Amino acid sequence: MTLEALATHAAVWWPIVSGILNVVLRTRTPEEWVRRCEERPRLAAFTRLVRSIGLDPVKMVRALGELASGGEK
């Protein structure tokens, strides 16, 4: 697979997969997410990372920083 074909596939599939994950992650209420964030900050940072990749690059960079620091902002 050429680099151009790989970039095309990523441009098409990355937002689709990210969008599907966003829908799946909305299965919990905001209160449940707040509790989860307080209990497991690294998991919360990973969740924010997954939700932001491909659709919001600014949030992605912030989430990567949080993930690396153990979930602390």
PDB file of N, CA and C in Angstrom:
ATOM      1  N   MET A   1       0.859  -1.169   0.000  1.00  0.00           N
ATOM      2  CA  MET A   1       0.000   0.000   0.000  1.00  0.00           C
ATOM      3  C   MET A   1       0.902   1.228   0.000  1.00  0.00           C
ATOM      4  N   THR A   2       0.608   2.143  -0.881  1.00  0.00           N
ATOM      5  CA  THR A   2       1.416   3.348  -0.971  1.00  0.00           C
ATOM      6  C   THR A   2       1.070   4.320   0.153  1.00  0.00           C
ATOM      7  N   LEU A   3       1.952   5.268   0.351  1.00  0.00           N
ATOM      8  CA  LEU A   3       1.728   6.266   1.386  1.00  0.00           C
ATOM      9  C   LEU A   3       0.493   7.099   1.076  1.00  0.00           C
ATOM     10  N   GLU A   4       0.273   7.382  -0.182  1.00  0.00           N
ATOM     11  CA  GLU A   4      -0.913   8.164  -0.585  1.00  0.00           C
ATOM     12  C   GLU A   4      -2.204   7.393  -0.295  1.00  0.00           C
ATOM     13  N   ALA A   5      -2.211   6.112  -0.591  1.00  0.00           N
ATOM     14  CA  ALA A   5      -3.392   5.292  -0.324  1.00  0.00           C
ATOM     15  C   ALA A   5      -3.636   5.185   1.181  1.00  0.00           C
ATOM     16  N   LEU A   6      -2.571   5.044   1.948  1.00  0.00           N
ATOM     17  CA  LEU A   6      -2.698   4.973   3.397  1.00  0.00           C
ATOM     18  C   LEU A   6      -3.273   6.272   3.955  1.00  0.00           C
ATOM     19  N   ALA A   7      -2.807   7.395   3.447  1.00  0.00           N
ATOM     20  CA  ALA A   7      -3.321   8.696   3.895  1.00  0.00           C
ATOM     21  C   ALA A   7      -4.794   8.851   3.537  1.00  0.00           C
ATOM     22  N   THR A   8      -5.179   8.374   2.373  1.00  0.00           N
ATOM     23  CA  THR A   8      -6.578   8.450   1.959  1.00  0.00           C
ATOM     24  C   THR A   8      -7.456   7.595   2.875  1.00  0.00           C
ATOM     25  N   HIS A   9      -7.011   6.381   3.148  1.00  0.00           N
ATOM     26  CA  HIS A   9      -7.775   5.509   4.045  1.00  0.00           C
ATOM     27  C   HIS A   9      -7.892   6.130   5.436  1.00  0.00           C
ATOM     28  N   ALA A  10      -6.796   6.685   5.932  1.00  0.00           N
ATOM     29  CA  ALA A  10      -6.824   7.311   7.262  1.00  0.00           C
ATOM     30  C   ALA A  10      -7.773   8.498   7.273  1.00  0.00           C
ATOM     31  N   ALA A  11      -7.764   9.284   6.205  1.00  0.00           N
ATOM     32  CA  ALA A  11      -8.637  10.459   6.142  1.00  0.00           C
ATOM     33  C   ALA A  11     -10.108  10.072   6.137  1.00  0.00           C
ATOM     34  N   VAL A  12     -10.417   8.911   5.592  1.00  0.00           N
ATOM     35  CA  VAL A  12     -11.808   8.458   5.523  1.00  0.00           C
ATOM     36  C   VAL A  12     -12.214   7.720   6.798  1.00  0.00           C
ATOM     37  N   TRP A  13     -11.402   6.763   7.223  1.00  0.00           N
ATOM     38  CA  TRP A  13     -11.802   5.883   8.318  1.00  0.00           C
ATOM     39  C   TRP A  13     -11.575   6.448   9.704  1.00  0.00           C
ATOM     40  N   TRP A  14     -10.546   7.268   9.877  1.00  0.00           N
ATOM     41  CA  TRP A  14     -10.248   7.797  11.200  1.00  0.00           C
ATOM     42  C   TRP A  14     -11.424   8.578  11.777  1.00  0.00           C
ATOM     43  N   PRO A  15     -11.998   9.548  11.050  1.00  0.00           N
ATOM     44  CA  PRO A  15     -13.161  10.270  11.605  1.00  0.00           C
ATOM     45  C   PRO A  15     -14.381   9.374  11.818  1.00  0.00           C
ATOM     46  N   ILE A  16     -14.567   8.385  10.961  1.00  0.00           N
ATOM     47  CA  ILE A  16     -15.710   7.487  11.120  1.00  0.00           C
ATOM     48  C   ILE A  16     -15.574   6.669  12.401  1.00  0.00           C
ATOM     49  N   VAL A  17     -14.410   6.080  12.618  1.00  0.00           N
ATOM     50  CA  VAL A  17     -14.184   5.275  13.822  1.00  0.00           C
ATOM     51  C   VAL A  17     -14.257   6.163  15.060  1.00  0.00           C
ATOM     52  N   SER A  18     -13.670   7.346  14.977  1.00  0.00           N
ATOM     53  CA  SER A  18     -13.718   8.270  16.103  1.00  0.00           C
ATOM     54  C   SER A  18     -15.158   8.677  16.416  1.00  0.00           C
ATOM     55  N   GLY A  19     -15.945   8.932  15.394  1.00  0.00           N
ATOM     56  CA  GLY A  19     -17.350   9.282  15.594  1.00  0.00           C
ATOM     57  C   GLY A  19     -18.139   8.155  16.241  1.00  0.00           C
ATOM     58  N   ILE A  20     -17.890   6.925  15.801  1.00  0.00           N
ATOM     59  CA  ILE A  20     -18.565   5.766  16.395  1.00  0.00           C
ATOM     60  C   ILE A  20     -18.186   5.639  17.869  1.00  0.00           C
ATOM     61  N   LEU A  21     -16.907   5.814  18.176  1.00  0.00           N
ATOM     62  CA  LEU A  21     -16.476   5.746  19.573  1.00  0.00           C
ATOM     63  C   LEU A  21     -17.115   6.851  20.404  1.00  0.00           C
ATOM     64  N   ASN A  22     -17.269   8.035  19.827  1.00  0.00           N
ATOM     65  CA  ASN A  22     -17.936   9.123  20.544  1.00  0.00           C
ATOM     66  C   ASN A  22     -19.360   8.729  20.908  1.00  0.00           C
ATOM     67  N   VAL A  23     -20.066   8.102  19.983  1.00  0.00           N
ATOM     68  CA  VAL A  23     -21.439   7.677  20.251  1.00  0.00           C
ATOM     69  C   VAL A  23     -21.454   6.609  21.345  1.00  0.00           C
ATOM     70  N   VAL A  24     -20.559   5.654  21.252  1.00  0.00           N
ATOM     71  CA  VAL A  24     -20.496   4.584  22.251  1.00  0.00           C
ATOM     72  C   VAL A  24     -20.160   5.150  23.631  1.00  0.00           C
ATOM     73  N   LEU A  25     -19.253   6.109  23.678  1.00  0.00           N
ATOM     74  CA  LEU A  25     -18.843   6.680  24.965  1.00  0.00           C
ATOM     75  C   LEU A  25     -19.918   7.561  25.592  1.00  0.00           C
ATOM     76  N   ARG A  26     -20.932   7.915  24.841  1.00  0.00           N
ATOM     77  CA  ARG A  26     -22.026   8.726  25.389  1.00  0.00           C
ATOM     78  C   ARG A  26     -23.070   7.868  26.113  1.00  0.00           C
ATOM     79  N   THR A  27     -22.775   6.608  26.321  1.00  0.00           N
ATOM     80  CA  THR A  27     -23.729   5.718  26.980  1.00  0.00           C
ATOM     81  C   THR A  27     -23.829   5.980  28.482  1.00  0.00           C
ATOM     82  N   ARG A  28     -22.890   6.706  29.032  1.00  0.00           N
ATOM     83  CA  ARG A  28     -22.915   7.031  30.461  1.00  0.00           C
ATOM     84  C   ARG A  28     -23.392   8.468  30.645  1.00  0.00           C
ATOM     85  N   THR A  29     -23.973   8.723  31.796  1.00  0.00           N
ATOM     86  CA  THR A  29     -24.449  10.069  32.097  1.00  0.00           C
ATOM     87  C   THR A  29     -23.258  10.953  32.488  1.00  0.00           C
ATOM     88  N   PRO A  30     -23.423  12.265  32.422  1.00  0.00           N
ATOM     89  CA  PRO A  30     -22.330  13.155  32.842  1.00  0.00           C
ATOM     90  C   PRO A  30     -21.893  12.900  34.287  1.00  0.00           C
ATOM     91  N   GLU A  31     -22.837  12.584  35.160  1.00  0.00           N
ATOM     92  CA  GLU A  31     -22.495  12.300  36.553  1.00  0.00           C
ATOM     93  C   GLU A  31     -21.609  11.061  36.671  1.00  0.00           C
ATOM     94  N   GLU A  32     -21.906  10.038  35.862  1.00  0.00           N
ATOM     95  CA  GLU A  32     -21.085   8.828  35.879  1.00  0.00           C
ATOM     96  C   GLU A  32     -19.670   9.132  35.394  1.00  0.00           C
ATOM     97  N   TRP A  33     -19.538   9.972  34.383  1.00  0.00           N
ATOM     98  CA  TRP A  33     -18.213  10.331  33.874  1.00  0.00           C
ATOM     99  C   TRP A  33     -17.440  11.153  34.902  1.00  0.00           C
ATOM    100  N   VAL A  34     -18.119  12.039  35.613  1.00  0.00           N
ATOM    101  CA  VAL A  34     -17.445  12.827  36.648  1.00  0.00           C
ATOM    102  C   VAL A  34     -16.899  11.898  37.717  1.00  0.00           C
ATOM    103  N   ARG A  35     -17.715  10.960  38.173  1.00  0.00           N
ATOM    104  CA  ARG A  35     -17.280   9.999  39.186  1.00  0.00           C
ATOM    105  C   ARG A  35     -16.111   9.164  38.661  1.00  0.00           C
ATOM    106  N   ARG A  36     -16.215   8.710  37.418  1.00  0.00           N
ATOM    107  CA  ARG A  36     -15.152   7.899  36.824  1.00  0.00           C
ATOM    108  C   ARG A  36     -13.858   8.700  36.714  1.00  0.00           C
ATOM    109  N   CYS A  37     -13.967   9.971  36.338  1.00  0.00           N
ATOM    110  CA  CYS A  37     -12.777  10.827  36.217  1.00  0.00           C
ATOM    111  C   CYS A  37     -12.096  11.005  37.562  1.00  0.00           C
ATOM    112  N   GLU A  38     -12.883  11.129  38.601  1.00  0.00           N
ATOM    113  CA  GLU A  38     -12.316  11.290  39.932  1.00  0.00           C
ATOM    114  C   GLU A  38     -11.643  10.006  40.410  1.00  0.00           C
ATOM    115  N   GLU A  39     -12.214   8.858  40.072  1.00  0.00           N
ATOM    116  CA  GLU A  39     -11.678   7.575  40.525  1.00  0.00           C
ATOM    117  C   GLU A  39     -10.470   7.122  39.709  1.00  0.00           C
ATOM    118  N   ARG A  40     -10.502   7.363  38.405  1.00  0.00           N
ATOM    119  CA  ARG A  40      -9.449   6.857  37.514  1.00  0.00           C
ATOM    120  C   ARG A  40      -9.042   7.935  36.515  1.00  0.00           C
ATOM    121  N   PRO A  41      -8.185   8.878  36.914  1.00  0.00           N
ATOM    122  CA  PRO A  41      -7.842   9.990  36.037  1.00  0.00           C
ATOM    123  C   PRO A  41      -7.126   9.573  34.750  1.00  0.00           C
ATOM    124  N   ARG A  42      -6.328   8.539  34.796  1.00  0.00           N
ATOM    125  CA  ARG A  42      -5.634   8.118  33.571  1.00  0.00           C
ATOM    126  C   ARG A  42      -6.640   7.536  32.566  1.00  0.00           C
ATOM    127  N   LEU A  43      -7.597   6.757  33.040  1.00  0.00           N
ATOM    128  CA  LEU A  43      -8.634   6.236  32.153  1.00  0.00           C
ATOM    129  C   LEU A  43      -9.458   7.378  31.574  1.00  0.00           C
ATOM    130  N   ALA A  44      -9.735   8.379  32.389  1.00  0.00           N
ATOM    131  CA  ALA A  44     -10.476   9.543  31.904  1.00  0.00           C
ATOM    132  C   ALA A  44      -9.691  10.274  30.825  1.00  0.00           C
ATOM    133  N   ALA A  45      -8.373  10.420  31.018  1.00  0.00           N
ATOM    134  CA  ALA A  45      -7.537  11.073  30.014  1.00  0.00           C
ATOM    135  C   ALA A  45      -7.509  10.259  28.718  1.00  0.00           C
ATOM    136  N   PHE A  46      -7.431   8.925  28.848  1.00  0.00           N
ATOM    137  CA  PHE A  46      -7.446   8.071  27.662  1.00  0.00           C
ATOM    138  C   PHE A  46      -8.774   8.194  26.917  1.00  0.00           C
ATOM    139  N   THR A  47      -9.864   8.256  27.658  1.00  0.00           N
ATOM    140  CA  THR A  47     -11.181   8.406  27.040  1.00  0.00           C
ATOM    141  C   THR A  47     -11.272   9.725  26.288  1.00  0.00           C
ATOM    142  N   ARG A  48     -10.776  10.803  26.898  1.00  0.00           N
ATOM    143  CA  ARG A  48     -10.769  12.100  26.202  1.00  0.00           C
ATOM    144  C   ARG A  48      -9.911  12.036  24.957  1.00  0.00           C
ATOM    145  N   LEU A  49      -8.793  11.319  25.034  1.00  0.00           N
ATOM    146  CA  LEU A  49      -7.918  11.166  23.871  1.00  0.00           C
ATOM    147  C   LEU A  49      -8.644  10.455  22.740  1.00  0.00           C
ATOM    148  N   VAL A  50      -9.291   9.341  23.054  1.00  0.00           N
ATOM    149  CA  VAL A  50     -10.014   8.575  22.030  1.00  0.00           C
ATOM    150  C   VAL A  50     -11.119   9.419  21.401  1.00  0.00           C
ATOM    151  N   ARG A  51     -11.821  10.199  22.224  1.00  0.00           N
ATOM    152  CA  ARG A  51     -12.912  11.020  21.702  1.00  0.00           C
ATOM    153  C   ARG A  51     -12.404  12.156  20.834  1.00  0.00           C
ATOM    154  N   SER A  52     -11.194  12.622  21.072  1.00  0.00           N
ATOM    155  CA  SER A  52     -10.725  13.805  20.352  1.00  0.00           C
ATOM    156  C   SER A  52      -9.917  13.489  19.099  1.00  0.00           C
ATOM    157  N   ILE A  53      -9.308  12.336  19.028  1.00  0.00           N
ATOM    158  CA  ILE A  53      -8.450  12.018  17.881  1.00  0.00           C
ATOM    159  C   ILE A  53      -9.264  12.049  16.594  1.00  0.00           C
ATOM    160  N   GLY A  54      -8.772  12.790  15.645  1.00  0.00           N
ATOM    161  CA  GLY A  54      -9.392  12.837  14.324  1.00  0.00           C
ATOM    162  C   GLY A  54     -10.464  13.881  14.171  1.00  0.00           C
ATOM    163  N   LEU A  55     -11.099  14.297  15.240  1.00  0.00           N
ATOM    164  CA  LEU A  55     -12.167  15.273  15.115  1.00  0.00           C
ATOM    165  C   LEU A  55     -11.801  16.614  15.728  1.00  0.00           C
ATOM    166  N   ASP A  56     -10.918  16.636  16.695  1.00  0.00           N
ATOM    167  CA  ASP A  56     -10.524  17.879  17.338  1.00  0.00           C
ATOM    168  C   ASP A  56      -9.060  17.793  17.761  1.00  0.00           C
ATOM    169  N   PRO A  57      -8.147  18.243  16.907  1.00  0.00           N
ATOM    170  CA  PRO A  57      -6.725  18.081  17.212  1.00  0.00           C
ATOM    171  C   PRO A  57      -6.261  18.838  18.458  1.00  0.00           C
ATOM    172  N   VAL A  58      -6.875  19.962  18.795  1.00  0.00           N
ATOM    173  CA  VAL A  58      -6.481  20.697  19.996  1.00  0.00           C
ATOM    174  C   VAL A  58      -6.780  19.865  21.233  1.00  0.00           C
ATOM    175  N   LYS A  59      -7.974  19.273  21.283  1.00  0.00           N
ATOM    176  CA  LYS A  59      -8.319  18.411  22.408  1.00  0.00           C
ATOM    177  C   LYS A  59      -7.413  17.185  22.446  1.00  0.00           C
ATOM    178  N   MET A  60      -7.006  16.690  21.280  1.00  0.00           N
ATOM    179  CA  MET A  60      -6.147  15.527  21.230  1.00  0.00           C
ATOM    180  C   MET A  60      -4.812  15.818  21.903  1.00  0.00           C
ATOM    181  N   VAL A  61      -4.217  16.958  21.618  1.00  0.00           N
ATOM    182  CA  VAL A  61      -2.928  17.306  22.212  1.00  0.00           C
ATOM    183  C   VAL A  61      -3.064  17.470  23.728  1.00  0.00           C
ATOM    184  N   ARG A  62      -4.124  18.118  24.166  1.00  0.00           N
ATOM    185  CA  ARG A  62      -4.363  18.271  25.610  1.00  0.00           C
ATOM    186  C   ARG A  62      -4.527  16.905  26.275  1.00  0.00           C
ATOM    187  N   ALA A  63      -5.309  16.018  25.656  1.00  0.00           N
ATOM    188  CA  ALA A  63      -5.549  14.694  26.224  1.00  0.00           C
ATOM    189  C   ALA A  63      -4.264  13.880  26.275  1.00  0.00           C
ATOM    190  N   LEU A  64      -3.402  14.001  25.256  1.00  0.00           N
ATOM    191  CA  LEU A  64      -2.115  13.301  25.278  1.00  0.00           C
ATOM    192  C   LEU A  64      -1.259  13.773  26.447  1.00  0.00           C
ATOM    193  N   GLY A  65      -1.258  15.083  26.688  1.00  0.00           N
ATOM    194  CA  GLY A  65      -0.516  15.614  27.827  1.00  0.00           C
ATOM    195  C   GLY A  65      -1.050  15.094  29.147  1.00  0.00           C
ATOM    196  N   GLU A  66      -2.367  15.035  29.271  1.00  0.00           N
ATOM    197  CA  GLU A  66      -2.982  14.511  30.496  1.00  0.00           C
ATOM    198  C   GLU A  66      -2.674  13.039  30.679  1.00  0.00           C
ATOM    199  N   LEU A  67      -2.727  12.297  29.580  1.00  0.00           N
ATOM    200  CA  LEU A  67      -2.444  10.860  29.645  1.00  0.00           C
ATOM    201  C   LEU A  67      -1.002  10.629  30.097  1.00  0.00           C
ATOM    202  N   ALA A  68      -0.092  11.407  29.566  1.00  0.00           N
ATOM    203  CA  ALA A  68       1.314  11.257  29.940  1.00  0.00           C
ATOM    204  C   ALA A  68       1.558  11.652  31.398  1.00  0.00           C
ATOM    205  N   SER A  69       0.821  12.610  31.902  1.00  0.00           N
ATOM    206  CA  SER A  69       1.036  13.062  33.285  1.00  0.00           C
ATOM    207  C   SER A  69       0.191  12.289  34.292  1.00  0.00           C
ATOM    208  N   GLY A  70      -0.466  11.258  33.855  1.00  0.00           N
ATOM    209  CA  GLY A  70      -1.257  10.449  34.789  1.00  0.00           C
ATOM    210  C   GLY A  70      -2.666  10.949  34.967  1.00  0.00           C
ATOM    211  N   GLY A  71      -3.141  11.769  34.045  1.00  0.00           N
ATOM    212  CA  GLY A  71      -4.509  12.237  34.097  1.00  0.00           C
ATOM    213  C   GLY A  71      -4.688  13.564  34.784  1.00  0.00           C
ATOM    214  N   GLU A  72      -3.599  14.160  35.232  1.00  0.00           N
ATOM    215  CA  GLU A  72      -3.699  15.458  35.898  1.00  0.00           C
ATOM    216  C   GLU A  72      -3.629  16.569  34.869  1.00  0.00           C
ATOM    217  N   LYS A  73      -4.491  17.562  35.049  1.00  0.00           N
ATOM    218  CA  LYS A  73      -4.518  18.682  34.095  1.00  0.00           C
ATOM    219  C   LYS A  73      -3.440  19.690  34.402  1.00  0.00           C
TER     220      LYS A  73
END
